[in-house]
Amino acid sequence: MFQAITHVIYDMDGLLLDTESLNEQVNGEIVQRYGKTFTTEIKIAIAGTTAINSAKTIIETLKLPLTVDEYLQARNKLLYPLYSHAKTFPGTVELIQHLANHNIPQAIATSSSRQNFEMKTVNHQDWLKHFELFTLGDDPEIRQGKPAPDIFLLTAKRLNAKPQNCLVFEDSLSGMKAAIAAGMSVVVVPDPVFDKQIFSAADIVLNSITEFEPNTIIDL
């Protein structure tokens, strides 16, 4: 199924932490002020991208009378107080702990900025301790965000790992494309509203991370 896997890299938002529901709630509230609807199509289009790119897409798609900065200011005012309440998805902590027990190096590669990452993870230090490193969206060495492979290639470099020996867990189309472009294996656990057929290029598509059998990589 996989090549020999030596390292595991995770996206964070929508995969480990349920921050996407918070984003959806806030985006919906903002666009409603202008008589617009935050649709599933927009949700799919912005999944896995940076906050700036997400804001641009929302503004352009819905023709909102806002600049990117104005949108982000409104968004952050509503969103930041919610971040510390983000919950882990079922099975994530168990998988991380299991791989740590088998000495599989793990990392997070997320489009979140350092400030946002710290707000989201403030109550999750108990399992973050199992990660070798965190590569964040505002890292100066990342030239292009997902779907470009930069963040995954940089993470592999810092892990001293070969891309072909890395397994990525993602939830978004842009994240899957980035992992594939980096030459890595990829497991996608998409939001239930997404059509799973759009993730056909992934090695595996799951309904929940609880469905992943870690021995498929540990035994390689």
Protein backbone atom coordinates (compact mmCIF):
# COMPACT_ATOMS: atom_id res chain seq x y z
CA MET A 1 0.00 0.00 0.00
CA PHE A 2 2.70 2.47 1.05
CA GLN A 3 6.39 2.76 0.42
CA ALA A 4 8.51 2.31 3.55
CA ILE A 5 7.28 5.05 5.88
CA THR A 6 9.79 6.53 8.31
CA HIS A 7 8.08 9.83 9.22
CA VAL A 8 4.49 11.07 9.58
CA ILE A 9 3.39 14.65 8.89
CA TYR A 10 -0.04 16.02 9.81
CA ASP A 11 -2.04 19.02 8.75
CA MET A 12 -3.79 20.50 11.78
CA ASP A 13 -6.99 22.41 11.02
CA GLY A 14 -9.86 20.14 10.12
CA LEU A 15 -7.73 17.05 10.73
CA LEU A 16 -6.36 17.09 14.28
CA LEU A 17 -8.37 20.04 15.60
CA ASP A 18 -11.94 20.94 14.71
CA THR A 19 -11.23 24.58 13.92
CA GLU A 20 -12.97 24.46 10.54
CA SER A 21 -16.40 24.47 12.17
CA LEU A 22 -15.36 27.62 14.02
CA ASN A 23 -14.17 29.19 10.77
CA GLU A 24 -17.41 28.23 9.03
CA GLN A 25 -19.46 29.75 11.82
CA VAL A 26 -17.56 33.04 11.73
CA ASN A 27 -17.36 33.31 7.94
CA GLY A 28 -21.09 32.67 7.72
CA GLU A 29 -21.79 35.39 10.26
CA ILE A 30 -19.66 37.95 8.42
CA VAL A 31 -21.01 37.37 4.91
CA GLN A 32 -24.57 37.34 6.24
CA ARG A 33 -24.08 41.00 7.15
CA TYR A 34 -23.98 41.67 3.40
CA GLY A 35 -26.90 39.43 2.48
CA LYS A 36 -24.62 36.62 1.29
CA THR A 37 -24.34 32.91 2.11
CA PHE A 38 -21.17 31.00 2.97
CA THR A 39 -21.68 27.99 0.72
CA THR A 40 -20.21 24.49 0.69
CA GLU A 41 -18.48 25.39 -2.59
CA ILE A 42 -16.64 28.26 -0.92
CA LYS A 43 -15.81 26.06 2.06
CA ILE A 44 -14.20 23.54 -0.27
CA ALA A 45 -12.35 26.25 -2.21
CA ILE A 46 -10.68 27.74 0.88
CA ALA A 47 -10.00 24.54 2.83
CA GLY A 48 -6.32 24.21 3.68
CA THR A 49 -5.32 27.66 2.40
CA THR A 50 -3.91 30.63 4.32
CA ALA A 51 -6.18 33.18 5.99
CA ILE A 52 -5.24 35.81 3.41
CA ASN A 53 -6.02 33.54 0.45
CA SER A 54 -9.25 32.43 2.10
CA ALA A 55 -10.34 36.05 2.58
CA LYS A 56 -9.50 36.89 -1.04
CA THR A 57 -11.56 33.95 -2.30
CA ILE A 58 -14.57 34.82 -0.13
CA ILE A 59 -14.47 38.51 -1.09
CA GLU A 60 -14.10 37.82 -4.81
CA THR A 61 -16.66 35.01 -4.94
CA LEU A 62 -19.35 36.90 -3.04
CA LYS A 63 -18.33 40.37 -4.28
CA LEU A 64 -18.12 41.77 -0.77
CA PRO A 65 -17.40 45.51 -0.34
CA LEU A 66 -14.37 44.79 1.85
CA THR A 67 -10.61 44.75 1.54
CA VAL A 68 -8.75 41.65 2.66
CA ASP A 69 -7.53 43.50 5.75
CA GLU A 70 -11.05 44.60 6.64
CA TYR A 71 -12.38 41.08 6.26
CA LEU A 72 -9.60 39.57 8.36
CA GLN A 73 -10.09 42.16 11.10
CA ALA A 74 -13.79 41.30 11.31
CA ARG A 75 -13.01 37.58 11.17
CA ASN A 76 -10.30 37.65 13.82
CA LYS A 77 -12.42 39.67 16.24
CA LEU A 78 -14.99 36.87 16.22
CA LEU A 79 -12.66 33.91 15.77
CA TYR A 80 -9.77 34.45 18.16
CA PRO A 81 -11.86 34.07 21.35
CA LEU A 82 -13.09 30.71 20.02
CA TYR A 83 -9.74 29.14 19.17
CA SER A 84 -8.89 27.91 22.65
CA HIS A 85 -12.11 25.85 22.64
CA ALA A 86 -11.14 23.81 19.55
CA LYS A 87 -11.53 20.07 20.19
CA THR A 88 -9.51 17.18 18.81
CA PHE A 89 -11.19 14.82 16.37
CA PRO A 90 -11.81 11.22 17.50
CA GLY A 91 -8.77 8.98 17.18
CA THR A 92 -6.16 11.69 16.63
CA VAL A 93 -4.54 11.68 20.06
CA GLU A 94 -4.59 7.87 20.15
CA LEU A 95 -2.83 7.62 16.78
CA ILE A 96 -0.20 10.19 17.73
CA GLN A 97 0.49 8.39 21.01
CA HIS A 98 0.64 4.98 19.29
CA LEU A 99 3.17 6.14 16.69
CA ALA A 100 5.21 7.88 19.40
CA ASN A 101 5.32 4.61 21.34
CA HIS A 102 6.77 2.96 18.21
CA ASN A 103 9.35 5.74 17.77
CA ILE A 104 7.90 7.06 14.50
CA PRO A 105 8.97 10.75 14.20
CA GLN A 106 5.96 13.03 13.73
CA ALA A 107 5.52 16.66 12.67
CA ILE A 108 2.76 19.17 12.00
CA ALA A 109 2.75 21.22 8.78
CA THR A 110 -0.05 23.76 8.95
CA SER A 111 -1.03 26.89 7.04
CA SER A 112 -1.79 28.55 10.40
CA SER A 113 0.46 31.41 11.46
CA ARG A 114 2.45 31.07 14.68
CA GLN A 115 0.07 33.37 16.55
CA ASN A 116 -2.98 31.37 15.48
CA PHE A 117 -1.24 28.04 16.10
CA GLU A 118 -0.45 29.03 19.67
CA MET A 119 -4.05 30.14 20.32
CA LYS A 120 -5.49 26.94 18.88
CA THR A 121 -3.16 24.60 20.76
CA VAL A 122 -3.00 26.30 24.15
CA ASN A 123 -5.05 23.50 25.74
CA HIS A 124 -3.40 20.63 23.84
CA GLN A 125 0.14 20.56 25.17
CA ASP A 126 -0.30 17.03 26.49
CA TRP A 127 -0.14 15.50 22.99
CA LEU A 128 1.85 18.19 21.19
CA LYS A 129 4.87 17.00 23.17
CA HIS A 130 5.07 13.95 20.87
CA PHE A 131 5.99 16.04 17.79
CA GLU A 132 9.52 16.57 16.56
CA LEU A 133 8.70 19.94 14.99
CA PHE A 134 6.00 22.29 13.75
CA THR A 135 6.20 24.01 10.36
CA LEU A 136 3.83 26.97 10.28
CA GLY A 137 2.28 28.96 7.46
CA ASP A 138 4.20 32.16 8.15
CA ASP A 139 7.59 30.44 8.14
CA PRO A 140 9.93 32.70 6.11
CA GLU A 141 11.32 29.70 4.21
CA ILE A 142 7.91 28.89 2.70
CA ARG A 143 7.58 30.71 -0.62
CA GLN A 144 4.17 29.36 -1.59
CA GLY A 145 1.36 27.91 0.49
CA LYS A 146 -0.60 24.74 -0.25
CA PRO A 147 -1.27 23.36 -2.91
CA ALA A 148 2.43 24.08 -3.56
CA PRO A 149 4.63 21.44 -1.88
CA ASP A 150 6.87 23.93 -0.05
CA ILE A 151 5.64 23.33 3.50
CA PHE A 152 5.92 19.54 3.24
CA LEU A 153 9.33 19.60 1.58
CA LEU A 154 10.63 22.00 4.23
CA THR A 155 9.25 19.77 6.98
CA ALA A 156 10.92 16.68 5.47
CA LYS A 157 14.20 18.56 5.17
CA ARG A 158 14.09 19.57 8.83
CA LEU A 159 13.19 16.01 9.84
CA ASN A 160 16.14 14.76 7.77
CA ALA A 161 13.62 12.53 5.97
CA LYS A 162 13.26 11.56 2.34
CA PRO A 163 9.94 12.81 0.89
CA GLN A 164 9.10 9.37 -0.49
CA ASN A 165 9.33 7.95 3.03
CA CYS A 166 6.90 10.47 4.52
CA LEU A 167 3.20 9.87 5.06
CA VAL A 168 0.98 12.94 5.18
CA PHE A 169 -2.45 13.14 6.83
CA GLU A 170 -4.65 15.82 5.28
CA ASP A 171 -8.30 16.84 5.11
CA SER A 172 -8.28 19.32 2.20
CA LEU A 173 -7.86 19.15 -1.56
CA SER A 174 -5.09 21.75 -1.53
CA GLY A 175 -3.28 19.80 1.19
CA MET A 176 -3.57 16.53 -0.72
CA LYS A 177 -2.21 18.18 -3.87
CA ALA A 178 0.70 19.66 -1.88
CA ALA A 179 1.61 16.28 -0.41
CA ILE A 180 1.48 14.56 -3.80
CA ALA A 181 3.54 17.35 -5.37
CA ALA A 182 6.11 16.78 -2.62
CA GLY A 183 6.35 13.11 -3.62
CA MET A 184 4.82 11.85 -0.38
CA SER A 185 2.15 9.28 0.42
CA VAL A 186 -1.10 10.83 1.63
CA VAL A 187 -4.12 9.77 3.66
CA VAL A 188 -7.10 12.12 3.37
CA VAL A 189 -9.80 12.41 6.03
CA PRO A 190 -12.15 14.95 4.43
CA ASP A 191 -15.07 16.85 5.88
CA PRO A 192 -18.23 14.74 5.34
CA VAL A 193 -19.71 17.44 3.09
CA PHE A 194 -16.96 16.93 0.51
CA ASP A 195 -17.40 14.59 -2.44
CA LYS A 196 -14.82 11.89 -1.77
CA GLN A 197 -14.27 11.41 -5.50
CA ILE A 198 -12.25 14.64 -5.62
CA PHE A 199 -9.67 12.92 -3.41
CA SER A 200 -9.19 9.92 -5.72
CA ALA A 201 -5.48 10.72 -6.12
CA ALA A 202 -4.87 10.00 -2.41
CA ASP A 203 -3.46 6.67 -1.26
CA ILE A 204 -6.36 6.25 1.17
CA VAL A 205 -9.54 8.25 1.88
CA LEU A 206 -11.11 7.69 5.30
CA ASN A 207 -14.31 8.78 7.03
CA SER A 208 -12.44 9.21 10.31
CA ILE A 209 -8.86 8.97 11.51
CA THR A 210 -10.10 6.17 13.79
CA GLU A 211 -10.27 3.99 10.66
CA PHE A 212 -6.52 4.20 10.04
CA GLU A 213 -4.59 1.08 10.97
CA PRO A 214 -1.15 2.26 12.17
CA ASN A 215 0.40 -1.17 11.76
CA THR A 216 0.18 -0.70 7.98
CA ILE A 217 3.18 1.62 8.31
CA ILE A 218 4.82 0.36 11.49
CA ASP A 219 5.27 -3.11 10.01
CA LEU A 220 6.88 -1.87 6.78
